Protein backbone atom coordinates (compact mmCIF):
# COMPACT_ATOMS: atom_id res chain seq x y z
CA MET A 1 69.02 55.29 -10.49
CA LYS A 2 71.09 52.53 -12.12
CA LYS A 3 70.84 50.53 -8.91
CA SER A 4 67.03 50.84 -8.93
CA ILE A 5 66.83 49.67 -12.56
CA ALA A 6 69.10 46.73 -11.80
CA LEU A 7 66.92 45.69 -8.87
CA LEU A 8 63.81 45.97 -11.04
CA LEU A 9 65.35 43.82 -13.79
CA CYS A 10 66.42 41.27 -11.19
CA ALA A 11 62.89 41.10 -9.81
CA ILE A 12 61.45 40.59 -13.29
CA MET A 13 63.92 37.76 -13.96
CA ILE A 14 63.01 36.03 -10.68
CA ILE A 15 59.30 36.31 -11.44
CA GLY A 16 59.95 34.85 -14.88
CA ILE A 17 61.41 31.63 -13.52
CA ILE A 18 58.70 31.02 -10.87
CA PRO A 19 56.01 28.62 -12.17
CA PHE A 20 52.75 30.36 -13.04
CA SER A 21 50.81 27.89 -10.92
CA ALA A 22 52.39 29.37 -7.80
CA PHE A 23 50.52 32.60 -8.52
CA ALA A 24 47.41 30.95 -9.93
CA GLU A 25 46.74 29.18 -6.65
CA ASN A 26 46.74 32.48 -4.75
CA ASN A 27 44.51 34.18 -7.30
CA SER A 28 41.93 31.39 -7.48
CA ILE A 29 39.01 30.58 -5.19
CA TRP A 30 39.91 26.91 -5.67
CA SER A 31 42.69 24.85 -4.15
CA TYR A 32 43.47 21.66 -6.03
CA ARG A 33 45.82 18.71 -6.29
CA VAL A 34 47.01 17.19 -9.54
CA ILE A 35 45.97 13.54 -9.82
CA SER A 36 47.66 12.74 -13.13
CA GLU A 37 50.00 15.02 -15.02
CA GLU A 38 49.80 12.69 -18.00
CA GLN A 39 45.99 12.71 -18.15
CA LYS A 40 45.77 16.33 -16.93
CA THR A 41 43.33 15.53 -14.12
CA ALA A 42 42.95 17.11 -10.70
CA GLU A 43 40.82 17.04 -7.55
CA ILE A 44 39.52 20.04 -5.67
CA THR A 45 40.97 20.20 -2.16
CA GLY A 46 39.46 23.44 -0.90
CA TYR A 47 37.19 26.38 -1.59
CA ASN A 48 38.42 29.86 -0.71
CA GLY A 49 35.37 31.89 -1.74
CA ASN A 50 32.33 33.15 0.14
CA PHE A 51 29.47 32.37 -2.24
CA THR A 52 26.52 30.38 -0.89
CA GLU A 53 25.64 28.89 -4.29
CA ILE A 54 28.66 27.02 -5.64
CA VAL A 55 29.37 25.95 -9.22
CA ILE A 56 32.10 23.29 -9.42
CA PRO A 57 34.28 23.94 -12.49
CA SER A 58 35.01 21.23 -15.03
CA GLU A 59 38.57 22.53 -15.48
CA ILE A 60 41.15 24.44 -13.44
CA ASP A 61 44.40 25.71 -14.98
CA GLY A 62 44.12 23.21 -17.83
CA TYR A 63 43.38 20.22 -15.58
CA THR A 64 40.05 18.38 -15.81
CA VAL A 65 38.40 18.22 -12.38
CA THR A 66 37.48 14.59 -11.72
CA ALA A 67 37.15 14.49 -7.92
CA ILE A 68 36.13 16.45 -4.84
CA GLY A 69 38.84 15.78 -2.28
CA ARG A 70 38.59 14.83 1.39
CA LYS A 71 37.10 17.59 3.58
CA SER A 72 37.14 20.07 0.68
CA PHE A 73 34.02 21.85 1.98
CA TYR A 74 34.22 20.65 5.59
CA TYR A 75 31.88 22.64 7.88
CA ARG A 76 31.11 25.28 5.23
CA ARG A 77 27.72 26.06 6.75
CA GLU A 78 27.05 29.06 4.53
CA ILE A 79 26.73 26.90 1.38
CA THR A 80 23.14 26.27 0.27
CA SER A 81 23.53 24.70 -3.19
CA ILE A 82 26.11 22.96 -5.34
CA LYS A 83 26.15 22.55 -9.10
CA PHE A 84 28.51 19.74 -10.05
CA SER A 85 30.40 19.37 -13.30
CA ASN A 86 29.74 16.05 -15.03
CA THR A 87 33.50 15.49 -15.25
CA ILE A 88 33.48 14.49 -11.57
CA ASN A 89 33.51 10.74 -10.86
CA GLN A 90 34.45 10.66 -7.16
CA ILE A 91 33.41 12.55 -4.02
CA CYS A 92 35.81 11.71 -1.21
CA ASP A 93 35.42 11.26 2.56
CA GLU A 94 33.66 14.11 4.40
CA ALA A 95 33.84 16.34 1.32
CA PHE A 96 30.66 18.22 2.35
CA PHE A 97 30.53 17.08 5.97
CA ALA A 98 28.41 19.35 8.22
CA CYS A 99 27.45 21.75 5.42
CA SER A 100 24.27 22.13 7.45
CA ASN A 101 22.48 24.48 5.04
CA LEU A 102 23.27 22.52 1.88
CA GLU A 103 19.94 21.29 0.52
CA ASN A 104 20.10 21.63 -3.23
CA PHE A 105 22.32 19.64 -5.60
CA VAL A 106 22.16 17.11 -8.43
CA LEU A 107 24.91 14.51 -8.44
CA PRO A 108 27.05 14.39 -11.60
CA ASN A 109 25.97 11.90 -14.26
CA ASN A 110 29.39 10.20 -14.23
CA ILE A 111 29.80 9.77 -10.48
CA LYS A 112 31.24 6.37 -9.53
CA ILE A 113 32.24 6.62 -5.87
CA ILE A 114 30.65 8.54 -2.99
CA SER A 115 32.84 7.93 0.04
CA ALA A 116 32.16 7.81 3.79
CA LYS A 117 30.33 10.82 5.30
CA ALA A 118 30.59 12.70 1.99
CA PHE A 119 27.28 14.51 2.60
CA ALA A 120 26.72 13.70 6.28
CA GLY A 121 25.06 16.50 8.21
CA THR A 122 23.66 18.32 5.17
CA LYS A 123 20.07 19.55 4.90
CA ILE A 124 18.93 17.41 1.97
CA SER A 125 15.61 15.57 2.13
CA LYS A 126 15.92 13.76 -1.20
CA VAL A 127 18.86 12.34 -3.14
CA VAL A 128 18.98 10.79 -6.61
CA ILE A 129 21.86 8.38 -7.25
CA PRO A 130 22.76 8.21 -10.98
CA GLU A 131 23.09 4.92 -12.83
CA SER A 132 26.87 5.38 -13.09
CA CYS A 133 27.40 5.11 -9.32
CA GLU A 134 29.24 1.96 -8.20
CA TYR A 135 29.76 2.47 -4.46
CA ILE A 136 28.34 4.53 -1.58
CA GLY A 137 30.32 4.53 1.67
CA GLU A 138 29.36 4.44 5.33
CA ASN A 139 27.20 7.33 6.54
CA ALA A 140 27.62 9.02 3.16
CA PHE A 141 24.10 10.42 3.46
CA MET A 142 23.54 10.56 7.22
CA CYS A 143 21.26 13.59 6.96
CA PRO A 144 18.67 14.66 9.56
CA ASN A 145 16.02 15.59 6.95
CA LEU A 146 16.50 12.61 4.64
CA GLU A 147 13.19 11.12 3.46
CA THR A 148 13.65 9.79 -0.06
CA VAL A 149 16.45 7.98 -1.88
CA ILE A 150 16.18 7.20 -5.59
CA ILE A 151 18.71 4.79 -7.09
CA THR A 152 18.69 4.54 -10.87
CA GLY A 153 21.21 1.70 -11.21
CA ASN A 154 22.98 -0.97 -9.18
CA CYS A 155 25.62 0.13 -6.71
CA THR A 156 27.23 -1.40 -3.64
CA LEU A 157 25.76 -0.11 -0.37
CA ASN A 158 26.19 -0.80 3.32
CA SER A 159 23.79 -0.58 6.25
CA THR A 160 24.64 3.06 7.03
CA SER A 161 24.93 4.52 3.51
CA PHE A 162 21.63 6.33 4.08
CA SER A 163 19.97 7.45 7.31
CA ASN A 164 18.49 10.49 8.97
CA GLY A 165 20.88 10.09 11.90
CA LEU A 166 18.17 8.84 14.23
CA ASP A 167 16.25 6.18 12.35
CA PRO A 168 17.77 4.27 9.41
CA GLN A 169 14.41 4.27 7.59
CA ALA A 170 14.43 5.83 4.14
CA GLU A 171 12.01 5.43 1.27
CA PHE A 172 13.74 3.69 -1.62
CA ILE A 173 12.57 4.32 -5.16
CA LEU A 174 14.45 2.26 -7.71
CA TYR A 175 15.15 1.97 -11.41
CA GLY A 176 16.61 -1.43 -12.27
CA ASN A 177 17.43 -4.57 -10.33
CA SER A 178 14.55 -4.89 -7.87
CA VAL A 179 15.67 -8.34 -6.64
CA TYR A 180 18.93 -6.89 -5.31
CA TYR A 181 17.25 -4.04 -3.46
CA GLU A 182 14.52 -6.25 -2.04
CA TYR A 183 17.37 -8.20 -0.44
CA ILE A 184 18.85 -4.95 0.85
CA GLU A 185 15.46 -4.03 2.31
CA GLU A 186 15.34 -7.28 4.27
CA LEU A 187 18.96 -6.99 5.39
CA PHE A 188 19.04 -3.29 6.36
CA GLY A 189 15.38 -2.64 7.18
CA TRP A 190 14.93 0.15 4.66
CA ASN A 191 11.54 0.87 3.11
CA TYR A 192 11.55 -0.11 -0.55
CA VAL A 193 9.32 0.74 -3.52
CA SER A 194 10.07 -0.77 -6.91
CA ILE A 195 9.58 1.33 -10.01
CA ASP A 196 10.65 -1.30 -12.50
CA GLY A 197 8.91 -0.76 -15.81
CA ILE A 198 7.95 2.87 -15.18
CA LEU A 199 6.62 4.54 -18.33
CA PRO A 200 8.14 7.99 -18.96
CA GLY A 201 5.37 10.57 -19.34
CA ASP A 202 2.67 8.40 -17.75
CA ILE A 203 2.11 10.70 -14.77
CA SER A 204 -1.41 9.39 -14.15
CA GLY A 205 -0.15 5.81 -13.96
CA ASP A 206 -2.80 4.42 -16.30
CA GLY A 207 -0.29 2.66 -18.55
CA LYS A 208 -0.25 5.17 -21.39
CA VAL A 209 0.79 8.75 -22.12
CA GLY A 210 -2.25 10.94 -22.72
CA ILE A 211 -3.42 14.53 -22.80
CA GLU A 212 -4.15 14.36 -19.07
CA ASP A 213 -0.45 13.74 -18.43
CA TYR A 214 0.46 16.78 -20.56
CA SER A 215 -2.08 18.92 -18.67
CA ALA A 216 -0.85 17.70 -15.29
CA LEU A 217 2.75 18.55 -16.09
CA LYS A 218 1.80 21.94 -17.56
CA ALA A 219 -0.09 22.78 -14.37
CA PHE A 220 2.81 21.58 -12.21
CA LEU A 221 5.28 23.79 -14.10
CA SER A 222 2.89 26.71 -13.57
CA GLY A 223 3.04 26.17 -9.83
CA ILE A 224 -0.30 24.42 -9.52
CA GLY A 225 -0.40 21.19 -7.53
CA SER A 226 2.38 18.80 -6.55
CA PHE A 227 3.68 15.37 -7.57
CA SER A 228 4.44 12.27 -5.54
CA VAL A 229 7.88 10.72 -5.98
CA LEU A 230 6.54 8.21 -8.50
CA GLU A 231 4.77 10.95 -10.43
CA GLU A 232 7.98 13.01 -10.46
CA LEU A 233 9.89 10.08 -11.91
CA SER A 234 7.28 9.64 -14.63
CA ALA A 235 7.28 13.37 -15.37
CA ASP A 236 11.06 13.40 -15.82
CA VAL A 237 10.72 12.14 -19.38
CA ASN A 238 14.30 12.86 -20.47
CA SER A 239 15.78 11.41 -17.22
CA ASP A 240 17.93 14.41 -16.33
CA PHE A 241 16.59 14.49 -12.71
CA THR A 242 14.94 17.86 -13.39
CA ILE A 243 11.28 18.46 -14.25
CA ASP A 244 11.07 21.35 -16.70
CA ALA A 245 9.74 22.57 -20.06
CA PHE A 246 11.88 20.00 -21.88
CA ASP A 247 9.81 17.21 -20.33
CA LEU A 248 6.62 18.96 -21.44
CA PHE A 249 8.04 19.13 -24.95
CA TYR A 250 8.87 15.41 -24.94
CA ILE A 251 5.37 14.50 -23.74
CA SER A 252 3.90 16.58 -26.58
CA LYS A 253 6.12 14.63 -29.01
CA LEU A 254 4.87 11.34 -27.57
CA LEU A 255 1.27 12.48 -28.03
CA ASN A 256 1.95 13.31 -31.68
CA GLN A 257 3.50 9.96 -32.54
């Protein structure tokens, strides 16, 4: 009996001196690597769960998640959607490579770098690049269904940043520096449409926000009709890359001014 108690006490003492993180890693669906102990930042290096709709946490074990590491979700074909935390500023090489059923995500508002093949082989047809983005690597969005790319700022691109894997043609819709992207169009052969000077809420495109714009958005939110890309951009009044009741509210405020 005494021997059993002694062994139990010994085991408790050993457990007490093992860092908690050694157990936390086994009990978590996330694998991660500490980037900076001083700044308490980390990058996700793997996903150990089985959910098809993934929510990326903003914090793990007290560390702020600022990056999605290389091949973190490599060939995870069961994943259909990702919800990113806005703490993330970098998505590394092949992070979501060959996630062939991934078709729904909104990039984080603070993203700065999207590295090579980060989303290659995914199912997306449309991608919106936030104003914060500074660089998009080679074949980052080499996606077979890609049709529309919307860039809301100025970032460094290369000739293979976007393609559908067969034909490097993609429709470019742009907020911002049209001169730069016209040059890119000539250099890379991409289709380009400038949206410089777009008026938020002016869905009809008549140069003002009116009751017809409110009615069009209300119908759209009720499942009636559809919008073109330019109409979607006008309808997204609060620029959060989502068309919802908040945009309808903001249009009503504009009408009452």
